[in-house]
């Protein structure tokens, strides 16, 4: 029984995951487990795989849609939260908040993550999905990544092996590799200049994005040379509602939870947007958010 194995872990039973996903969707985990370090994580993954227990690894809960009423096991890496800075090389474990890391780099006059100052994700998930904003992304500063491979060995992947592309990477396409640590190579810049850029982008977010409502960030990737939000807005879909979910009337590439949204409501809106954009513009929008079932 799983409880015998995890008795020395920090874990909780029958947990509402509402506060662990930024859409604030109601769904549950039979077991929510927080490994204290990489060794515990490897042992846990070994146990779960050998016993064929379904599990997901959840980062900051942004950019995802938890599309299931209940998950067997949810693993959170929050305790893997060490940051090491040596000159312009920054090493951060998977559970480090991206916002915290961006601020630590800024305080140390290290530039490269100013774009991430408002992204509510964690280093592991952000590295894997190549998170980004304002024409910058993780691939621009990632040097190498330490992962647990399918054989539960800890290996290091260099930048070329990560196969980075727009909101995509080898790790995003291969879920049996688990990011546990990312090494960044930064550039020196005066911290006041970096802070100025971060504040400017924060202000732009406040003006242009529906930060007062639960959402999971941009829903779709931008097609080459185009804005997904502009396409959706020009199609007349701003403010469209289904159930408790709505296409934001502030930024059309955001879906917000008005308080009672279910994952079915959000997925229905996603499908409707894709259908309308295909009919009107003959463009196939690609989902940026990840549907987790």
Protein backbone atom coordinates (compact mmCIF):
# COMPACT_ATOMS: atom_id res chain seq x y z
CA UNK A 1 0.00 0.00 0.00
CA UNK A 2 1.29 3.43 -0.92
CA UNK A 3 0.93 4.81 2.62
CA UNK A 4 3.46 2.31 3.91
CA UNK A 5 5.97 3.53 1.35
CA UNK A 6 5.40 7.27 1.83
CA UNK A 7 5.09 7.23 5.63
CA UNK A 8 8.33 9.22 5.97
CA UNK A 9 7.41 11.68 3.22
CA UNK A 10 5.45 14.86 3.63
CA UNK A 11 2.09 13.96 2.13
CA UNK A 12 -1.60 14.79 2.37
CA UNK A 13 -4.71 12.77 1.50
CA UNK A 14 -7.81 13.80 -0.43
CA UNK A 15 -6.51 17.28 -1.23
CA UNK A 16 -8.45 19.91 -3.14
CA UNK A 17 -6.03 21.16 -5.80
CA UNK A 18 -7.81 24.48 -6.26
CA UNK A 19 -5.00 26.50 -4.70
CA UNK A 20 -2.37 24.54 -6.63
CA UNK A 21 -3.55 25.60 -10.11
CA UNK A 22 -3.88 29.18 -11.31
CA UNK A 23 -7.24 28.57 -13.00
CA UNK A 24 -8.45 27.73 -9.46
CA UNK A 25 -10.27 24.66 -10.76
CA UNK A 26 -11.83 22.31 -8.24
CA UNK A 27 -10.25 18.88 -8.51
CA UNK A 28 -8.67 16.49 -6.07
CA UNK A 29 -5.61 14.36 -5.41
CA UNK A 30 -5.90 11.12 -3.49
CA UNK A 31 -2.32 11.79 -2.41
CA UNK A 32 -0.34 15.02 -2.65
CA UNK A 33 3.34 14.30 -1.99
CA UNK A 34 6.26 16.68 -1.39
CA UNK A 35 9.65 14.92 -1.74
CA UNK A 36 12.23 16.69 0.43
CA UNK A 37 15.12 16.19 -1.98
CA UNK A 38 16.19 14.55 -5.24
CA UNK A 39 16.88 11.17 -3.62
CA UNK A 40 13.35 11.01 -2.23
CA UNK A 41 11.98 12.01 -5.62
CA UNK A 42 13.89 9.23 -7.41
CA UNK A 43 12.75 6.64 -4.86
CA UNK A 44 9.16 7.84 -5.15
CA UNK A 45 9.16 7.71 -8.95
CA UNK A 46 10.65 4.22 -8.82
CA UNK A 47 7.90 3.04 -6.49
CA UNK A 48 5.09 4.65 -8.50
CA UNK A 49 6.33 3.26 -11.81
CA UNK A 50 6.99 -0.24 -10.50
CA UNK A 51 3.53 -0.38 -8.96
CA UNK A 52 1.90 1.22 -12.02
CA UNK A 53 0.36 4.00 -9.98
CA UNK A 54 -0.79 6.95 -12.07
CA UNK A 55 0.84 10.23 -11.09
CA UNK A 56 1.52 13.73 -12.33
CA UNK A 57 4.28 16.16 -11.41
CA UNK A 58 2.79 19.61 -10.92
CA UNK A 59 4.86 22.78 -11.01
CA UNK A 60 3.43 26.17 -10.14
CA UNK A 61 0.07 25.24 -11.65
CA UNK A 62 0.20 27.93 -14.33
CA UNK A 63 -0.09 27.14 -18.04
CA UNK A 64 -1.97 23.92 -17.24
CA UNK A 65 -5.56 22.73 -17.24
CA UNK A 66 -6.24 20.00 -14.68
CA UNK A 67 -8.82 18.11 -16.71
CA UNK A 68 -9.85 15.37 -14.33
CA UNK A 69 -12.06 15.32 -11.20
CA UNK A 70 -9.46 13.37 -9.22
CA UNK A 71 -5.81 12.38 -9.66
CA UNK A 72 -4.32 9.33 -7.96
CA UNK A 73 -1.01 10.93 -6.98
CA UNK A 74 0.23 14.49 -7.46
CA UNK A 75 3.92 15.13 -6.84
CA UNK A 76 5.03 18.67 -5.98
CA UNK A 77 8.68 19.69 -6.13
CA UNK A 78 8.41 22.81 -3.95
CA UNK A 79 11.08 21.55 -1.53
CA UNK A 80 13.66 21.35 -4.32
CA UNK A 81 14.24 25.07 -3.95
CA UNK A 82 17.97 25.75 -3.76
CA UNK A 83 19.64 28.54 -5.74
CA UNK A 84 23.42 28.80 -6.23
CA UNK A 85 25.11 31.78 -7.88
CA UNK A 86 28.76 31.69 -8.95
CA UNK A 87 29.81 34.71 -10.99
CA UNK A 88 27.38 34.73 -13.93
CA UNK A 89 26.37 31.07 -13.60
CA UNK A 90 23.11 30.45 -11.76
CA UNK A 91 21.92 26.99 -10.73
CA UNK A 92 18.31 26.58 -9.58
CA UNK A 93 16.42 23.48 -8.55
CA UNK A 94 13.09 22.63 -10.16
CA UNK A 95 10.93 23.88 -7.29
CA UNK A 96 12.31 27.42 -7.27
CA UNK A 97 9.75 30.11 -8.08
CA UNK A 98 10.59 31.75 -11.41
CA UNK A 99 9.65 35.14 -9.99
CA UNK A 100 11.95 34.59 -7.00
CA UNK A 101 14.79 33.53 -9.30
CA UNK A 102 14.33 36.56 -11.54
CA UNK A 103 14.54 38.83 -8.50
CA UNK A 104 17.62 37.06 -7.11
CA UNK A 105 19.37 37.48 -10.46
CA UNK A 106 18.42 41.15 -10.57
CA UNK A 107 19.84 41.73 -7.06
CA UNK A 108 23.12 40.18 -8.24
CA UNK A 109 23.33 42.35 -11.37
CA UNK A 110 22.62 39.36 -13.60
CA UNK A 111 20.49 39.92 -16.67
CA UNK A 112 18.56 37.34 -18.68
CA UNK A 113 15.43 36.55 -16.70
CA UNK A 114 13.84 40.00 -16.51
CA UNK A 115 11.06 38.69 -18.77
CA UNK A 116 10.21 36.10 -16.11
CA UNK A 117 9.57 38.60 -13.32
CA UNK A 118 5.82 38.17 -13.70
CA UNK A 119 5.52 34.52 -14.70
CA UNK A 120 3.97 32.52 -11.82
CA UNK A 121 5.71 29.26 -12.62
CA UNK A 122 8.53 27.15 -11.25
CA UNK A 123 11.95 26.58 -12.77
CA UNK A 124 11.40 22.92 -13.68
CA UNK A 125 8.16 23.35 -15.59
CA UNK A 126 9.27 26.66 -17.10
CA UNK A 127 12.49 25.06 -18.35
CA UNK A 128 10.58 22.15 -19.85
CA UNK A 129 7.96 24.23 -21.68
CA UNK A 130 10.38 27.02 -22.64
CA UNK A 131 8.34 29.68 -20.89
CA UNK A 132 8.71 33.19 -22.17
CA UNK A 133 7.31 36.67 -22.69
CA UNK A 134 8.11 39.82 -24.65
CA UNK A 135 10.08 37.94 -27.33
CA UNK A 136 12.38 36.33 -24.77
CA UNK A 137 12.31 32.82 -23.35
CA UNK A 138 14.17 30.31 -21.20
CA UNK A 139 16.20 28.95 -24.10
CA UNK A 140 18.11 32.23 -24.31
CA UNK A 141 19.72 31.70 -20.90
CA UNK A 142 19.59 27.95 -20.21
CA UNK A 143 23.06 26.36 -20.35
CA UNK A 144 22.22 22.79 -19.29
CA UNK A 145 19.60 20.83 -17.38
CA UNK A 146 19.90 18.00 -14.91
CA UNK A 147 17.12 15.44 -15.32
CA UNK A 148 15.94 12.08 -14.08
CA UNK A 149 15.81 9.89 -17.19
CA UNK A 150 13.37 7.01 -17.90
CA UNK A 151 15.79 4.58 -16.20
CA UNK A 152 15.78 6.81 -13.10
CA UNK A 153 19.37 7.84 -13.66
CA UNK A 154 20.39 11.45 -13.13
CA UNK A 155 21.91 12.81 -16.33
CA UNK A 156 22.74 16.23 -17.76
CA UNK A 157 21.34 17.50 -21.07
CA UNK A 158 23.09 20.34 -22.85
CA UNK A 159 21.27 23.08 -24.72
CA UNK A 160 21.43 21.28 -28.07
CA UNK A 161 19.97 18.11 -26.56
CA UNK A 162 17.06 20.11 -25.15
CA UNK A 163 15.92 20.88 -28.73
CA UNK A 164 14.36 24.19 -27.79
CA UNK A 165 11.70 25.78 -29.99
CA UNK A 166 8.89 28.28 -29.43
CA UNK A 167 7.13 27.12 -26.23
CA UNK A 168 8.52 23.65 -26.83
CA UNK A 169 11.44 21.39 -25.94
CA UNK A 170 12.60 17.79 -25.79
CA UNK A 171 11.47 17.70 -22.15
CA UNK A 172 7.98 18.91 -22.96
CA UNK A 173 7.59 16.15 -25.55
CA UNK A 174 9.15 13.44 -23.36
CA UNK A 175 7.40 13.40 -19.99
CA UNK A 176 9.41 10.44 -18.71
CA UNK A 177 12.35 12.84 -18.31
CA UNK A 178 11.96 14.94 -15.15
CA UNK A 179 13.77 18.26 -14.85
CA UNK A 180 15.33 18.60 -11.39
CA UNK A 181 17.87 21.41 -11.86
CA UNK A 182 18.62 24.10 -14.44
CA UNK A 183 21.91 25.91 -15.00
CA UNK A 184 21.67 29.40 -16.48
CA UNK A 185 24.38 31.52 -18.05
CA UNK A 186 23.60 35.17 -17.45
CA UNK A 187 25.08 38.49 -18.51
CA UNK A 188 26.14 41.27 -16.17
CA UNK A 189 24.02 44.41 -16.09
CA UNK A 190 23.31 47.07 -13.48
CA UNK A 191 20.53 45.89 -11.20
CA UNK A 192 18.70 49.23 -11.42
CA UNK A 193 18.46 48.86 -15.19
CA UNK A 194 17.18 45.29 -14.83
CA UNK A 195 14.68 46.39 -12.19
CA UNK A 196 13.47 49.14 -14.50
CA UNK A 197 12.78 46.61 -17.26
CA UNK A 198 11.00 44.29 -14.82
CA UNK A 199 8.81 47.11 -13.49
CA UNK A 200 7.98 48.26 -17.01
CA UNK A 201 6.87 44.77 -17.99
CA UNK A 202 4.91 44.38 -14.77
CA UNK A 203 3.04 47.60 -15.55
CA UNK A 204 2.37 46.41 -19.10
CA UNK A 205 0.90 43.19 -17.72
CA UNK A 206 -1.37 45.10 -15.35
CA UNK A 207 -2.68 47.21 -18.23
CA UNK A 208 -3.07 44.43 -20.82
CA UNK A 209 -3.83 41.22 -18.91
CA UNK A 210 -6.74 40.14 -16.67
CA UNK A 211 -4.63 39.70 -13.54
CA UNK A 212 -7.66 40.18 -11.27
CA UNK A 213 -9.23 36.87 -12.36
CA UNK A 214 -7.93 33.29 -12.21
CA UNK A 215 -6.34 32.22 -15.50
CA UNK A 216 -3.35 30.20 -16.67
CA UNK A 217 -1.70 32.74 -18.94
CA UNK A 218 -1.77 32.73 -22.73
CA UNK A 219 -4.02 30.00 -24.07
CA UNK A 220 -2.57 29.70 -27.58
CA UNK A 221 0.85 30.12 -29.14
CA UNK A 222 1.17 33.07 -31.48
CA UNK A 223 1.17 31.95 -35.13
CA UNK A 224 4.33 33.05 -37.01
CA UNK A 225 4.26 36.83 -37.41
CA UNK A 226 0.82 37.13 -35.86
CA UNK A 227 -0.87 37.64 -32.49
CA UNK A 228 -3.26 34.94 -31.33
CA UNK A 229 -5.01 37.48 -29.12
CA UNK A 230 -5.56 39.86 -32.06
CA UNK A 231 -6.97 37.05 -34.22
CA UNK A 232 -9.39 36.02 -31.48
CA UNK A 233 -10.40 39.63 -30.82
CA UNK A 234 -10.93 40.38 -34.52
CA UNK A 235 -13.09 37.27 -34.74
CA UNK A 236 -15.44 38.93 -32.25
CA UNK A 237 -14.87 36.41 -29.48
CA UNK A 238 -13.85 38.73 -26.64
CA UNK A 239 -16.20 38.29 -23.71
CA UNK A 240 -17.69 35.02 -24.99
CA UNK A 241 -18.89 32.92 -22.05
CA UNK A 242 -19.45 29.23 -21.52
CA UNK A 243 -20.51 28.16 -18.06
CA UNK A 244 -18.16 29.75 -15.54
CA UNK A 245 -15.39 30.41 -18.08
CA UNK A 246 -15.00 33.48 -20.27
CA UNK A 247 -12.71 34.69 -23.04
CA UNK A 248 -11.26 37.75 -21.35
CA UNK A 249 -12.58 41.09 -22.55
CA UNK A 250 -9.19 42.57 -21.62
CA UNK A 251 -6.93 40.18 -23.57
CA UNK A 252 -8.57 37.69 -25.93
CA UNK A 253 -5.79 35.10 -25.59
CA UNK A 254 -6.73 34.60 -21.94
CA UNK A 255 -9.56 32.47 -20.61
CA UNK A 256 -10.64 33.41 -17.11
CA UNK A 257 -12.53 31.62 -14.38
CA UNK A 258 -15.47 33.75 -13.27
CA UNK A 259 -15.78 31.68 -10.11
CA UNK A 260 -17.55 28.49 -11.13
CA UNK A 261 -15.57 27.31 -14.18
CA UNK A 262 -14.94 23.62 -14.73
CA UNK A 263 -12.26 22.14 -16.93
CA UNK A 264 -15.04 21.18 -19.35
CA UNK A 265 -16.02 24.87 -19.64
CA UNK A 266 -12.44 25.88 -20.45
CA UNK A 267 -11.86 23.09 -22.96
CA UNK A 268 -15.16 23.90 -24.66
CA UNK A 269 -14.04 27.53 -25.10
CA UNK A 270 -10.66 26.38 -26.44
CA UNK A 271 -12.35 24.15 -29.01
CA UNK A 272 -14.77 26.91 -29.99
CA UNK A 273 -11.95 29.43 -30.49
CA UNK A 274 -9.96 26.97 -32.61
CA UNK A 275 -13.03 26.21 -34.73
CA UNK A 276 -13.89 29.88 -35.35
CA UNK A 277 -10.30 30.91 -36.17
CA UNK A 278 -10.01 28.00 -38.60
CA UNK A 279 -13.26 28.96 -40.32
CA UNK A 280 -12.53 32.70 -40.49
CA UNK A 281 -8.78 32.75 -41.16
CA UNK A 282 -7.93 29.16 -42.12
CA UNK A 283 -5.36 29.16 -39.30
CA UNK A 284 -4.84 26.27 -36.91
CA UNK A 285 -4.15 27.72 -33.48
CA UNK A 286 -1.79 25.62 -31.36
CA UNK A 287 -2.54 25.30 -27.67
CA UNK A 288 0.15 26.74 -25.39
CA UNK A 289 -1.44 25.48 -22.20
CA UNK A 290 -1.13 21.81 -21.30
CA UNK A 291 -4.21 19.72 -20.67
CA UNK A 292 -3.40 17.22 -17.91
CA UNK A 293 -5.63 14.18 -17.66
